[in-house]
Protein backbone atom coordinates (compact mmCIF):
# COMPACT_ATOMS: atom_id res chain seq x y z
CA MET A 1 116.11 -42.76 54.59
CA GLU A 2 113.82 -41.97 57.41
CA ARG A 3 113.41 -38.41 56.20
CA LYS A 4 112.56 -39.62 52.82
CA LYS A 5 109.79 -41.85 54.09
CA LYS A 6 108.25 -38.90 56.02
CA LEU A 7 108.32 -36.76 52.98
CA ILE A 8 106.59 -39.33 50.89
CA CYS A 9 104.09 -39.87 53.60
CA GLY A 10 103.49 -36.03 53.77
CA ILE A 11 103.05 -35.86 50.08
CA ARG A 12 100.55 -38.74 50.15
CA ILE A 13 98.58 -36.99 52.99
CA ALA A 14 98.62 -33.76 50.95
CA LEU A 15 97.41 -35.52 47.76
CA PHE A 16 94.76 -37.28 49.75
CA ALA A 17 93.57 -34.05 51.23
CA VAL A 18 93.51 -32.45 47.84
CA LEU A 19 91.55 -35.36 46.41
CA ALA A 20 89.19 -35.30 49.25
CA ALA A 21 88.57 -31.57 48.83
CA VAL A 22 88.08 -32.06 45.03
CA CYS A 23 85.57 -34.82 45.72
CA MET A 24 83.64 -32.87 48.20
CA THR A 25 83.55 -29.78 45.82
CA GLY A 26 82.36 -31.87 42.86
CA CYS A 27 79.57 -33.56 44.92
CA THR A 28 78.43 -30.13 46.17
CA SER A 29 78.29 -28.77 42.62
CA ARG A 30 76.22 -31.74 41.46
CA GLU A 31 73.89 -31.42 44.38
CA ASP A 32 73.36 -27.75 43.62
CA VAL A 33 72.62 -28.47 40.09
CA PHE A 34 70.24 -31.17 41.09
CA LEU A 35 68.41 -28.93 43.49
CA GLU A 36 68.17 -26.19 40.89
CA GLU A 37 66.61 -28.61 38.36
CA ILE A 38 64.09 -29.64 41.04
CA ALA A 39 63.26 -26.02 41.74
CA GLY A 40 62.76 -25.32 38.01
CA ASP A 41 60.44 -28.30 37.55
CA THR A 42 58.46 -27.11 40.59
CA ASP A 43 58.09 -23.64 39.09
CA ARG A 44 56.90 -25.08 35.82
CA ILE A 45 54.31 -27.23 37.54
CA GLU A 46 53.03 -24.39 39.61
CA GLY A 47 52.80 -22.15 36.44
CA THR A 48 50.79 -24.89 34.57
CA GLU A 49 48.38 -25.28 37.51
CA ASN A 50 47.94 -21.50 37.73
CA ALA A 51 47.16 -21.33 33.98
CA LYS A 52 44.58 -24.01 34.32
CA ALA A 53 42.86 -22.23 37.22
CA THR A 54 42.80 -19.06 35.27
CA GLY A 55 41.28 -20.80 32.27
CA SER A 56 38.48 -22.34 34.33
CA THR A 57 37.56 -19.20 36.45
CA GLY A 58 38.51 -16.38 34.09
CA GLU A 59 37.30 -15.46 30.59
CA LYS A 60 35.32 -17.97 28.60
CA GLN A 61 37.56 -20.26 26.52
CA THR A 62 37.22 -20.21 22.81
CA ASP A 63 35.55 -23.12 21.15
CA PRO A 64 37.89 -24.71 18.66
CA GLY A 65 35.01 -24.86 16.22
CA GLU A 66 34.46 -21.20 16.49
CA LEU A 67 38.15 -20.51 15.61
CA ASP A 68 37.90 -22.86 12.56
CA ASN A 69 34.66 -21.44 11.25
CA PRO A 70 34.24 -17.82 12.29
CA VAL A 71 30.79 -16.44 11.32
CA SER A 72 29.99 -12.69 11.47
CA GLY A 73 26.53 -11.39 12.16
CA ASP A 74 26.16 -10.34 8.50
CA ASP A 75 26.79 -13.94 7.32
CA VAL A 76 23.95 -15.42 9.45
CA PRO A 77 21.15 -16.36 6.98
CA LEU A 78 17.65 -15.01 7.67
CA MET A 79 14.83 -17.43 8.41
CA THR A 80 12.85 -18.09 5.30
CA GLN A 81 9.17 -16.94 5.76
CA ILE A 82 6.70 -19.72 5.36
CA PRO A 83 3.93 -18.65 2.86
CA GLN A 84 0.55 -18.36 4.46
CA THR A 85 -2.60 -19.83 2.92
CA ILE A 86 -6.30 -18.95 3.15
CA PHE A 87 -9.51 -20.94 2.55
CA VAL A 88 -12.33 -19.45 0.42
CA ASP A 89 -15.69 -20.80 -0.60
CA VAL A 90 -16.43 -20.36 -4.33
CA CYS A 91 -20.08 -20.94 -5.40
CA GLY A 92 -22.67 -19.90 -7.85
CA ALA A 93 -22.14 -19.88 -11.64
CA VAL A 94 -18.81 -21.60 -11.57
CA ALA A 95 -17.69 -24.97 -13.02
CA ASN A 96 -16.68 -26.59 -9.80
CA PRO A 97 -18.13 -24.82 -6.68
CA GLY A 98 -16.33 -25.72 -3.49
CA VAL A 99 -13.78 -24.70 -0.81
CA TYR A 100 -10.29 -23.92 -2.17
CA GLU A 101 -6.94 -23.26 -0.53
CA LEU A 102 -5.06 -20.28 -1.98
CA ASP A 103 -2.03 -18.19 -1.26
CA GLU A 104 -2.58 -15.20 1.08
CA GLY A 105 -3.18 -12.09 -0.89
CA SER A 106 -4.92 -14.03 -3.84
CA ARG A 107 -7.60 -12.19 -5.87
CA ILE A 108 -11.16 -13.08 -6.85
CA PHE A 109 -10.20 -14.00 -10.37
CA GLN A 110 -7.71 -16.56 -9.04
CA ALA A 111 -10.41 -18.16 -6.81
CA VAL A 112 -12.69 -18.40 -9.84
CA ASP A 113 -9.88 -20.00 -11.87
CA ALA A 114 -9.38 -22.53 -9.07
CA ALA A 115 -13.03 -23.44 -9.24
CA GLY A 116 -12.78 -24.16 -12.97
CA GLY A 117 -13.84 -20.76 -14.35
CA TYR A 118 -17.13 -19.25 -15.15
CA LEU A 119 -20.21 -20.98 -16.50
CA PRO A 120 -21.69 -19.50 -19.77
CA GLU A 121 -24.60 -17.84 -17.93
CA ALA A 122 -22.32 -16.18 -15.25
CA ALA A 123 -22.40 -12.37 -14.82
CA GLN A 124 -18.61 -12.15 -15.05
CA ASN A 125 -18.55 -8.27 -14.90
CA TYR A 126 -20.65 -8.20 -11.72
CA LEU A 127 -17.79 -8.95 -9.44
CA ASN A 128 -14.58 -6.97 -8.76
CA ARG A 129 -12.19 -9.61 -10.11
CA ALA A 130 -9.15 -7.71 -8.78
CA ARG A 131 -10.38 -7.57 -5.17
CA SER A 132 -8.15 -9.30 -2.57
CA LEU A 133 -9.50 -12.30 -0.59
CA THR A 134 -9.54 -12.98 3.06
CA ASP A 135 -9.64 -16.33 5.04
CA GLY A 136 -13.07 -17.80 5.25
CA GLN A 137 -14.59 -15.47 2.57
CA GLN A 138 -17.40 -16.65 0.25
CA ILE A 139 -17.45 -15.62 -3.39
CA TYR A 140 -20.84 -16.05 -5.05
CA VAL A 141 -20.94 -15.64 -8.79
CA PRO A 142 -24.40 -14.77 -9.94
CA THR A 143 -26.03 -15.34 -13.29
CA GLU A 144 -27.10 -12.62 -15.77
CA GLU A 145 -30.67 -13.62 -14.99
CA GLU A 146 -30.22 -13.24 -11.32
CA ILE A 147 -28.78 -9.77 -11.79
CA ALA A 148 -31.72 -8.74 -13.92
CA GLU A 149 -34.22 -10.10 -11.31
CA ASN A 150 -32.44 -8.15 -8.55
CA LEU A 151 -32.61 -5.03 -10.55
CA GLU A 152 -36.31 -5.46 -11.13
CA ALA A 153 -36.85 -6.14 -7.37
CA LEU A 154 -34.93 -2.93 -6.54
CA ALA A 155 -37.00 -0.97 -9.17
CA SER A 156 -40.26 -2.20 -7.52
CA LYS A 157 -39.20 -0.74 -4.23
CA VAL A 158 -38.52 2.76 -5.57
CA PRO A 159 -41.25 5.27 -4.49
CA GLU A 160 -43.77 6.02 -7.09
CA ALA A 161 -42.73 9.61 -7.08
CA LEU A 162 -39.22 8.64 -8.38
CA GLN A 163 -40.59 6.54 -11.20
CA SER A 164 -40.85 8.33 -14.50
CA GLY A 165 -44.41 9.36 -15.37
CA ALA A 166 -45.81 7.42 -12.38
CA SER A 167 -48.20 10.09 -11.47
CA GLU A 168 -47.85 12.64 -14.20
CA ASP A 169 -51.39 12.23 -15.56
CA THR A 170 -54.02 10.44 -13.54
CA GLY A 171 -56.31 10.67 -16.52
CA ARG A 172 -54.34 7.86 -18.11
CA GLU A 173 -55.22 5.36 -15.55
CA GLY A 174 -58.15 4.03 -17.48
CA ASN A 175 -56.03 3.36 -20.52
CA SER A 176 -53.42 1.70 -18.38
CA GLU A 177 -55.99 -0.57 -16.86
CA ASP A 178 -57.30 -1.49 -20.28
CA SER A 179 -53.84 -2.39 -21.56
CA LEU A 180 -53.23 -4.63 -18.63
CA ALA A 181 -56.71 -6.19 -18.46
CA GLU A 182 -55.77 -9.24 -20.41
CA GLY A 183 -52.97 -10.03 -17.90
CA VAL A 184 -54.83 -9.37 -14.76
CA GLY A 185 -57.21 -11.73 -13.06
CA SER A 186 -60.22 -11.13 -10.83
CA ASN A 187 -58.02 -10.76 -7.75
CA SER A 188 -55.80 -8.05 -9.35
CA GLY A 189 -52.96 -10.60 -9.74
CA ILE A 190 -51.08 -11.38 -12.93
CA ASN A 191 -53.06 -13.95 -14.93
CA LEU A 192 -50.70 -16.82 -15.80
CA ASN A 193 -52.92 -17.81 -18.68
CA THR A 194 -53.00 -14.41 -20.46
CA ALA A 195 -50.07 -12.39 -19.28
CA ASP A 196 -47.25 -11.68 -21.72
CA ALA A 197 -43.47 -11.84 -20.95
CA ALA A 198 -43.28 -8.15 -19.90
CA GLN A 199 -46.06 -8.58 -17.40
CA LEU A 200 -44.62 -11.73 -15.93
CA CYS A 201 -41.21 -10.11 -15.56
CA THR A 202 -42.80 -7.68 -13.08
CA LEU A 203 -43.06 -10.60 -10.67
CA SER A 204 -40.32 -11.02 -8.05
CA GLY A 205 -37.86 -13.69 -9.04
CA ILE A 206 -39.14 -13.88 -12.63
CA GLY A 207 -36.75 -12.80 -15.38
CA GLN A 208 -36.98 -12.95 -19.12
CA SER A 209 -35.97 -16.58 -19.37
CA LYS A 210 -38.41 -17.74 -16.72
CA ALA A 211 -41.18 -15.61 -18.30
CA GLU A 212 -40.62 -17.22 -21.61
CA ALA A 213 -40.59 -20.72 -19.91
CA ILE A 214 -44.00 -19.91 -18.27
CA ILE A 215 -45.46 -18.99 -21.67
CA ALA A 216 -44.02 -22.14 -23.33
CA TYR A 217 -45.51 -24.30 -20.61
CA ARG A 218 -48.86 -22.54 -20.91
CA GLU A 219 -48.98 -23.14 -24.57
CA GLU A 220 -47.81 -26.76 -24.39
CA HIS A 221 -50.37 -27.75 -21.63
CA GLY A 222 -53.26 -25.55 -22.63
CA GLY A 223 -52.91 -23.21 -19.62
CA PHE A 224 -52.62 -23.37 -15.93
CA ALA A 225 -55.25 -25.03 -13.88
CA SER A 226 -53.96 -23.53 -10.61
CA ILE A 227 -51.33 -21.14 -9.48
CA GLU A 228 -49.40 -24.05 -7.82
CA GLU A 229 -48.89 -25.49 -11.30
CA ILE A 230 -46.33 -22.83 -12.00
CA MET A 231 -43.85 -24.83 -9.94
CA ASN A 232 -43.86 -27.39 -12.76
CA VAL A 233 -42.08 -24.75 -14.88
CA GLU A 234 -38.40 -25.45 -15.12
CA GLY A 235 -36.43 -23.02 -12.86
CA ILE A 236 -39.41 -22.19 -10.62
CA LYS A 237 -39.41 -23.90 -7.26
CA GLU A 238 -41.20 -23.43 -3.95
CA GLY A 239 -38.99 -20.47 -2.90
CA THR A 240 -39.93 -18.44 -6.00
CA PHE A 241 -43.61 -19.51 -5.73
CA SER A 242 -43.79 -18.31 -2.11
CA LYS A 243 -42.74 -14.79 -3.27
CA ILE A 244 -45.30 -14.47 -6.07
CA LYS A 245 -48.23 -16.65 -5.06
CA ASP A 246 -50.18 -13.63 -3.75
CA LYS A 247 -49.66 -11.75 -6.98
CA ILE A 248 -50.68 -14.33 -9.54
CA SER A 249 -53.92 -15.88 -10.70
CA VAL A 250 -55.23 -18.35 -13.29
CA GLY A 251 -58.62 -16.88 -14.19
């Protein structure tokens, strides 16, 4: 009986030792697993921090907007060029003289159109209507009468040697003087009371229409009492009178 009790006690001790060993082994395994999980989490945290550091100090991060809407150099639209304008002064024989704003590169005919077009007496063919305009340019449209007057003024400045028959025969001077006697006064000026249209047109600034106006005024008022009276004729003002006062007379 005593032996049996010892055997049972030994078995219990052995079982207890086995159980104790098993318990210790199980705890150690779980502790190792726990430590391994902690180490793995630590590695992941360190990897994340390293990645953040690399992103902030390394290459430039890509903007999400750039990934969603990539634009190549060829797709960038060119800036639209703003059209430039110029200002030109249109005056003379046009309907509405004034300063007009036109597109850069405009021509004379476009400036005239902007001013309402030509007046009936305008010398339309005098200007080069296809000529380009520049900023600040003035376009003066002359009348046909003004063109004729300018041509006469130029002709009067041509040397006598270049004028046809000016000095071919000095023997004709007497006849020439006789033919002009009616239109010349005592001071060798053009007599406003006797000169015909051709003689009046030799005066600076007097064209065919003004010469006819002088003759009409003379006939209507019975002649000119003084040379200053010519300024009463339509179209002849002080400027024209100052040019011809030394070349005209009334008796």
